[in-house]
Amino acid sequence: MKKAKLLWVDLEMTGLDPMKDRILEVAAIATGWDLEPMAEMTAVVKVSQCLMRERMIGEFWEKNSESRAGLMAQNTEGKSQQVVEGELLDFMDRWFGETIILAGNSIHQDRKFIDQEWPEVAKRLHYRMLDVSAWKVYLEGALKQKFTKREAHRALDDIRGSIAELRNYASQIDPKRRKKEV
């Protein structure tokens, strides 16, 4: 079986502080360098309703109230951190070889949560990451080309948008690259 090269991950969290907030949802897509999806997984992590009500407040959550409501509603059927970490490790074992490069938008923030909550996953990840937001900063600044993607604030939709965004940026460098939707 062909092994994947990039582990695209998006996390939805109660907030952005890895010491106070918790992962609510994870999605992962395995791709090669061609950015073609080989497999995907999603999981919901059970978090106390009290913590969710306490942390999911403020301007961001007011603007994204539909996402907030969806995350809170699905959370009742979530699994423990340990179970979800095990599922993600199984996904990595099935689709990847030894080197697993984490990819996504602003992936450094997700990596902080992975390091904090899923230490076994963190141990398997390469120290290098493919951060689409770095491409965004450069190409918007250098070429004045802006890519607009829908911000669903749901993990799987956000990853698909990030892959489409990287395809767009790659086409700026190599026009022969086809632009495809994931």
C-alpha atoms as a PDB file:
ATOM      1  CA  MET A   1       0.000   0.000   0.000  1.00  0.00           C
ATOM      2  CA  LYS A   2       1.232   3.476  -0.883  1.00  0.00           C
ATOM      3  CA  LYS A   3       2.120   5.457   2.241  1.00  0.00           C
ATOM      4  CA  ALA A   4       0.905   9.010   2.808  1.00  0.00           C
ATOM      5  CA  LYS A   5       3.367  11.884   3.216  1.00  0.00           C
ATOM      6  CA  LEU A   6       1.235  14.596   4.843  1.00  0.00           C
ATOM      7  CA  LEU A   7      -1.065  14.273   7.841  1.00  0.00           C
ATOM      8  CA  TRP A   8      -3.533  17.124   7.470  1.00  0.00           C
ATOM      9  CA  VAL A   9      -5.081  17.860  10.859  1.00  0.00           C
ATOM     10  CA  ASP A  10      -7.585  20.389  12.057  1.00  0.00           C
ATOM     11  CA  LEU A  11      -8.775  20.673  15.617  1.00  0.00           C
ATOM     12  CA  GLU A  12     -11.744  22.523  16.985  1.00  0.00           C
ATOM     13  CA  MET A  13     -11.092  23.599  20.549  1.00  0.00           C
ATOM     14  CA  THR A  14     -12.974  25.412  23.276  1.00  0.00           C
ATOM     15  CA  GLY A  15     -10.473  28.279  22.821  1.00  0.00           C
ATOM     16  CA  LEU A  16      -6.825  28.907  21.997  1.00  0.00           C
ATOM     17  CA  ASP A  17      -5.092  28.354  25.360  1.00  0.00           C
ATOM     18  CA  PRO A  18      -3.702  24.792  25.454  1.00  0.00           C
ATOM     19  CA  MET A  19      -3.438  24.971  29.244  1.00  0.00           C
ATOM     20  CA  LYS A  20      -7.096  25.947  29.825  1.00  0.00           C
ATOM     21  CA  ASP A  21      -8.938  24.868  26.694  1.00  0.00           C
ATOM     22  CA  ARG A  22      -9.612  21.390  25.344  1.00  0.00           C
ATOM     23  CA  ILE A  23      -9.878  19.685  21.970  1.00  0.00           C
ATOM     24  CA  LEU A  24     -13.513  19.137  20.950  1.00  0.00           C
ATOM     25  CA  GLU A  25     -13.182  17.689  17.466  1.00  0.00           C
ATOM     26  CA  VAL A  26     -10.395  16.329  15.271  1.00  0.00           C
ATOM     27  CA  ALA A  27     -10.296  15.562  11.587  1.00  0.00           C
ATOM     28  CA  ALA A  28      -7.380  14.129   9.662  1.00  0.00           C
ATOM     29  CA  ILE A  29      -6.755  13.554   5.964  1.00  0.00           C
ATOM     30  CA  ALA A  30      -3.787  11.552   4.674  1.00  0.00           C
ATOM     31  CA  THR A  31      -2.319  12.758   1.358  1.00  0.00           C
ATOM     32  CA  GLY A  32       0.769  12.360  -0.754  1.00  0.00           C
ATOM     33  CA  TRP A  33       2.733  15.316  -2.124  1.00  0.00           C
ATOM     34  CA  ASP A  34       0.132  15.490  -4.911  1.00  0.00           C
ATOM     35  CA  LEU A  35      -2.379  16.557  -2.211  1.00  0.00           C
ATOM     36  CA  GLU A  36      -4.809  13.844  -3.267  1.00  0.00           C
ATOM     37  CA  PRO A  37      -6.697  12.438  -0.257  1.00  0.00           C
ATOM     38  CA  MET A  38      -5.995   8.790   0.505  1.00  0.00           C
ATOM     39  CA  ALA A  39      -8.039   8.452   3.696  1.00  0.00           C
ATOM     40  CA  GLU A  40      -9.767  10.554   6.316  1.00  0.00           C
ATOM     41  CA  MET A  41     -10.975  10.268   9.876  1.00  0.00           C
ATOM     42  CA  THR A  42     -12.973  12.385  12.302  1.00  0.00           C
ATOM     43  CA  ALA A  43     -13.707  12.077  15.985  1.00  0.00           C
ATOM     44  CA  VAL A  44     -15.435  14.027  18.716  1.00  0.00           C
ATOM     45  CA  VAL A  45     -13.773  14.381  22.103  1.00  0.00           C
ATOM     46  CA  LYS A  46     -16.043  14.474  25.138  1.00  0.00           C
ATOM     47  CA  VAL A  47     -15.534  17.662  27.145  1.00  0.00           C
ATOM     48  CA  SER A  48     -17.551  18.733  30.158  1.00  0.00           C
ATOM     49  CA  GLN A  49     -20.492  20.968  29.290  1.00  0.00           C
ATOM     50  CA  CYS A  50     -19.442  23.233  32.151  1.00  0.00           C
ATOM     51  CA  LEU A  51     -15.994  23.805  30.618  1.00  0.00           C
ATOM     52  CA  MET A  52     -17.546  24.394  27.197  1.00  0.00           C
ATOM     53  CA  ARG A  53     -19.951  27.024  28.556  1.00  0.00           C
ATOM     54  CA  GLU A  54     -17.114  28.665  30.506  1.00  0.00           C
ATOM     55  CA  ARG A  55     -14.552  28.775  27.672  1.00  0.00           C
ATOM     56  CA  MET A  56     -16.666  29.115  24.503  1.00  0.00           C
ATOM     57  CA  ILE A  57     -17.549  32.763  25.017  1.00  0.00           C
ATOM     58  CA  GLY A  58     -16.541  36.062  23.489  1.00  0.00           C
ATOM     59  CA  GLU A  59     -16.586  37.693  20.072  1.00  0.00           C
ATOM     60  CA  PHE A  60     -15.305  34.688  18.102  1.00  0.00           C
ATOM     61  CA  TRP A  61     -17.979  32.358  19.449  1.00  0.00           C
ATOM     62  CA  GLU A  62     -20.679  35.019  19.055  1.00  0.00           C
ATOM     63  CA  LYS A  63     -19.769  35.341  15.354  1.00  0.00           C
ATOM     64  CA  ASN A  64     -19.676  31.548  15.003  1.00  0.00           C
ATOM     65  CA  SER A  65     -22.714  30.672  17.098  1.00  0.00           C
ATOM     66  CA  GLU A  66     -23.866  27.997  14.638  1.00  0.00           C
ATOM     67  CA  SER A  67     -20.538  26.164  14.904  1.00  0.00           C
ATOM     68  CA  ARG A  68     -20.615  26.562  18.683  1.00  0.00           C
ATOM     69  CA  ALA A  69     -24.101  25.055  18.886  1.00  0.00           C
ATOM     70  CA  GLY A  70     -23.112  22.148  16.630  1.00  0.00           C
ATOM     71  CA  LEU A  71     -19.959  21.399  18.606  1.00  0.00           C
ATOM     72  CA  MET A  72     -21.839  21.521  21.909  1.00  0.00           C
ATOM     73  CA  ALA A  73     -24.646  19.300  20.616  1.00  0.00           C
ATOM     74  CA  GLN A  74     -22.375  16.600  19.192  1.00  0.00           C
ATOM     75  CA  ASN A  75     -20.183  16.601  22.285  1.00  0.00           C
ATOM     76  CA  THR A  76     -22.632  14.482  24.272  1.00  0.00           C
ATOM     77  CA  GLU A  77     -21.684  11.560  22.002  1.00  0.00           C
ATOM     78  CA  GLY A  78     -17.953  12.209  22.166  1.00  0.00           C
ATOM     79  CA  LYS A  79     -15.237   9.803  23.275  1.00  0.00           C
ATOM     80  CA  SER A  80     -12.495  10.225  25.864  1.00  0.00           C
ATOM     81  CA  GLN A  81      -9.187  11.895  24.994  1.00  0.00           C
ATOM     82  CA  GLN A  82      -7.436   8.529  25.288  1.00  0.00           C
ATOM     83  CA  VAL A  83      -9.830   6.753  22.923  1.00  0.00           C
ATOM     84  CA  VAL A  84      -9.575   9.498  20.292  1.00  0.00           C
ATOM     85  CA  GLU A  85      -5.780   9.557  20.606  1.00  0.00           C
ATOM     86  CA  GLY A  86      -5.809   5.788  20.025  1.00  0.00           C
ATOM     87  CA  GLU A  87      -7.980   6.186  16.927  1.00  0.00           C
ATOM     88  CA  LEU A  88      -5.625   8.829  15.538  1.00  0.00           C
ATOM     89  CA  LEU A  89      -2.606   6.600  16.258  1.00  0.00           C
ATOM     90  CA  ASP A  90      -4.337   3.709  14.433  1.00  0.00           C
ATOM     91  CA  PHE A  91      -4.981   6.017  11.458  1.00  0.00           C
ATOM     92  CA  MET A  92      -1.310   7.042  11.444  1.00  0.00           C
ATOM     93  CA  ASP A  93      -0.164   3.399  11.657  1.00  0.00           C
ATOM     94  CA  ARG A  94      -2.353   2.403   8.736  1.00  0.00           C
ATOM     95  CA  TRP A  95      -1.518   5.246   6.338  1.00  0.00           C
ATOM     96  CA  PHE A  96       1.986   6.449   7.191  1.00  0.00           C
ATOM     97  CA  GLY A  97       5.549   5.210   7.351  1.00  0.00           C
ATOM     98  CA  GLU A  98       8.069   6.477   9.861  1.00  0.00           C
ATOM     99  CA  THR A  99       8.070  10.149   8.853  1.00  0.00           C
ATOM    100  CA  ILE A 100       4.792  11.920   9.524  1.00  0.00           C
ATOM    101  CA  ILE A 101       4.656  15.580   8.580  1.00  0.00           C
ATOM    102  CA  LEU A 102       1.801  17.536  10.099  1.00  0.00           C
ATOM    103  CA  ALA A 103       0.031  19.887   7.663  1.00  0.00           C
ATOM    104  CA  GLY A 104      -2.715  22.475   7.956  1.00  0.00           C
ATOM    105  CA  ASN A 105      -3.515  26.134   8.413  1.00  0.00           C
ATOM    106  CA  SER A 106      -1.814  27.753  11.425  1.00  0.00           C
ATOM    107  CA  ILE A 107      -0.878  24.197  12.339  1.00  0.00           C
ATOM    108  CA  HIS A 108       1.517  25.380  15.044  1.00  0.00           C
ATOM    109  CA  GLN A 109      -1.513  26.164  17.233  1.00  0.00           C
ATOM    110  CA  ASP A 110      -3.011  22.708  16.729  1.00  0.00           C
ATOM    111  CA  ARG A 111       0.428  21.223  17.478  1.00  0.00           C
ATOM    112  CA  LYS A 112       0.424  22.921  20.910  1.00  0.00           C
ATOM    113  CA  PHE A 113      -2.827  21.112  21.753  1.00  0.00           C
ATOM    114  CA  ILE A 114      -1.550  17.809  20.361  1.00  0.00           C
ATOM    115  CA  ASP A 115       1.610  18.131  22.497  1.00  0.00           C
ATOM    116  CA  GLN A 116      -0.506  18.898  25.570  1.00  0.00           C
ATOM    117  CA  GLU A 117      -3.340  16.380  25.177  1.00  0.00           C
ATOM    118  CA  TRP A 118      -2.033  13.580  22.933  1.00  0.00           C
ATOM    119  CA  PRO A 119       1.608  12.910  23.859  1.00  0.00           C
ATOM    120  CA  GLU A 120       1.783   9.605  21.967  1.00  0.00           C
ATOM    121  CA  VAL A 121       0.636  11.285  18.753  1.00  0.00           C
ATOM    122  CA  ALA A 122       3.117  14.123  19.362  1.00  0.00           C
ATOM    123  CA  LYS A 123       5.999  11.629  19.645  1.00  0.00           C
ATOM    124  CA  ARG A 124       5.242  10.266  16.165  1.00  0.00           C
ATOM    125  CA  LEU A 125       5.199  13.632  14.389  1.00  0.00           C
ATOM    126  CA  HIS A 126       8.222  15.043  12.599  1.00  0.00           C
ATOM    127  CA  TYR A 127       9.515  18.344  13.941  1.00  0.00           C
ATOM    128  CA  ARG A 128       8.889  19.971  10.537  1.00  0.00           C
ATOM    129  CA  MET A 129       5.366  21.017   9.586  1.00  0.00           C
ATOM    130  CA  LEU A 130       3.680  22.238   6.416  1.00  0.00           C
ATOM    131  CA  ASP A 131       1.818  25.396   7.411  1.00  0.00           C
ATOM    132  CA  VAL A 132      -0.454  26.757   4.678  1.00  0.00           C
ATOM    133  CA  SER A 133      -0.688  30.094   6.478  1.00  0.00           C
ATOM    134  CA  ALA A 134       3.029  30.698   5.772  1.00  0.00           C
ATOM    135  CA  TRP A 135       2.280  30.375   2.041  1.00  0.00           C
ATOM    136  CA  LYS A 136      -0.671  32.729   2.514  1.00  0.00           C
ATOM    137  CA  VAL A 137       1.502  35.418   4.108  1.00  0.00           C
ATOM    138  CA  TYR A 138       4.121  35.257   1.376  1.00  0.00           C
ATOM    139  CA  LEU A 139       1.913  34.958  -1.713  1.00  0.00           C
ATOM    140  CA  GLU A 140      -0.589  37.571  -0.597  1.00  0.00           C
ATOM    141  CA  GLY A 141       2.286  39.946   0.154  1.00  0.00           C
ATOM    142  CA  ALA A 142       4.454  39.166  -2.883  1.00  0.00           C
ATOM    143  CA  LEU A 143       1.821  38.493  -5.563  1.00  0.00           C
ATOM    144  CA  LYS A 144      -1.176  40.338  -4.107  1.00  0.00           C
ATOM    145  CA  GLN A 145      -3.193  37.168  -4.706  1.00  0.00           C
ATOM    146  CA  LYS A 146      -5.759  36.453  -2.031  1.00  0.00           C
ATOM    147  CA  PHE A 147      -7.397  33.055  -1.640  1.00  0.00           C
ATOM    148  CA  THR A 148     -10.761  33.160   0.083  1.00  0.00           C
ATOM    149  CA  LYS A 149     -12.043  29.994   1.650  1.00  0.00           C
ATOM    150  CA  ARG A 150     -15.168  29.333   3.607  1.00  0.00           C
ATOM    151  CA  GLU A 151     -14.480  29.301   7.330  1.00  0.00           C
ATOM    152  CA  ALA A 152     -16.799  26.589   8.590  1.00  0.00           C
ATOM    153  CA  HIS A 153     -15.011  26.126  11.903  1.00  0.00           C
ATOM    154  CA  ARG A 154     -15.688  22.430  11.628  1.00  0.00           C
ATOM    155  CA  ALA A 155     -12.601  20.277  11.400  1.00  0.00           C
ATOM    156  CA  LEU A 156     -13.140  18.247   8.211  1.00  0.00           C
ATOM    157  CA  ASP A 157     -14.459  21.191   6.163  1.00  0.00           C
ATOM    158  CA  ASP A 158     -11.545  23.336   7.330  1.00  0.00           C
ATOM    159  CA  ILE A 159      -8.960  20.734   6.239  1.00  0.00           C
ATOM    160  CA  ARG A 160     -10.542  20.403   2.818  1.00  0.00           C
ATOM    161  CA  GLY A 161     -10.370  24.181   2.508  1.00  0.00           C
ATOM    162  CA  SER A 162      -6.702  24.183   3.532  1.00  0.00           C
ATOM    163  CA  ILE A 163      -5.806  21.570   0.901  1.00  0.00           C
ATOM    164  CA  ALA A 164      -7.646  23.589  -1.767  1.00  0.00           C
ATOM    165  CA  GLU A 165      -5.820  26.700  -0.582  1.00  0.00           C
ATOM    166  CA  LEU A 166      -2.395  25.039  -0.868  1.00  0.00           C
ATOM    167  CA  ARG A 167      -3.305  23.762  -4.346  1.00  0.00           C
ATOM    168  CA  ASN A 168      -4.120  27.343  -5.307  1.00  0.00           C
ATOM    169  CA  TYR A 169      -0.808  28.640  -3.976  1.00  0.00           C
ATOM    170  CA  ALA A 170       1.119  25.841  -5.681  1.00  0.00           C
ATOM    171  CA  SER A 171      -0.537  26.796  -8.976  1.00  0.00           C
ATOM    172  CA  GLN A 172       0.883  30.318  -8.532  1.00  0.00           C
ATOM    173  CA  ILE A 173       4.356  28.819  -8.546  1.00  0.00           C
ATOM    174  CA  ASP A 174       3.703  26.036 -11.079  1.00  0.00           C
ATOM    175  CA  PRO A 175       0.792  26.956 -13.401  1.00  0.00           C
ATOM    176  CA  LYS A 176       0.667  23.383 -14.769  1.00  0.00           C
ATOM    177  CA  ARG A 177      -0.726  22.172 -11.432  1.00  0.00           C
ATOM    178  CA  ARG A 178      -4.428  21.469 -11.701  1.00  0.00           C
ATOM    179  CA  LYS A 179      -6.762  23.149  -9.261  1.00  0.00           C
ATOM    180  CA  LYS A 180      -9.098  20.542  -7.816  1.00  0.00           C
ATOM    181  CA  GLU A 181     -11.557  20.595  -4.993  1.00  0.00           C
ATOM    182  CA  VAL A 182     -11.121  18.005  -2.262  1.00  0.00           C
END
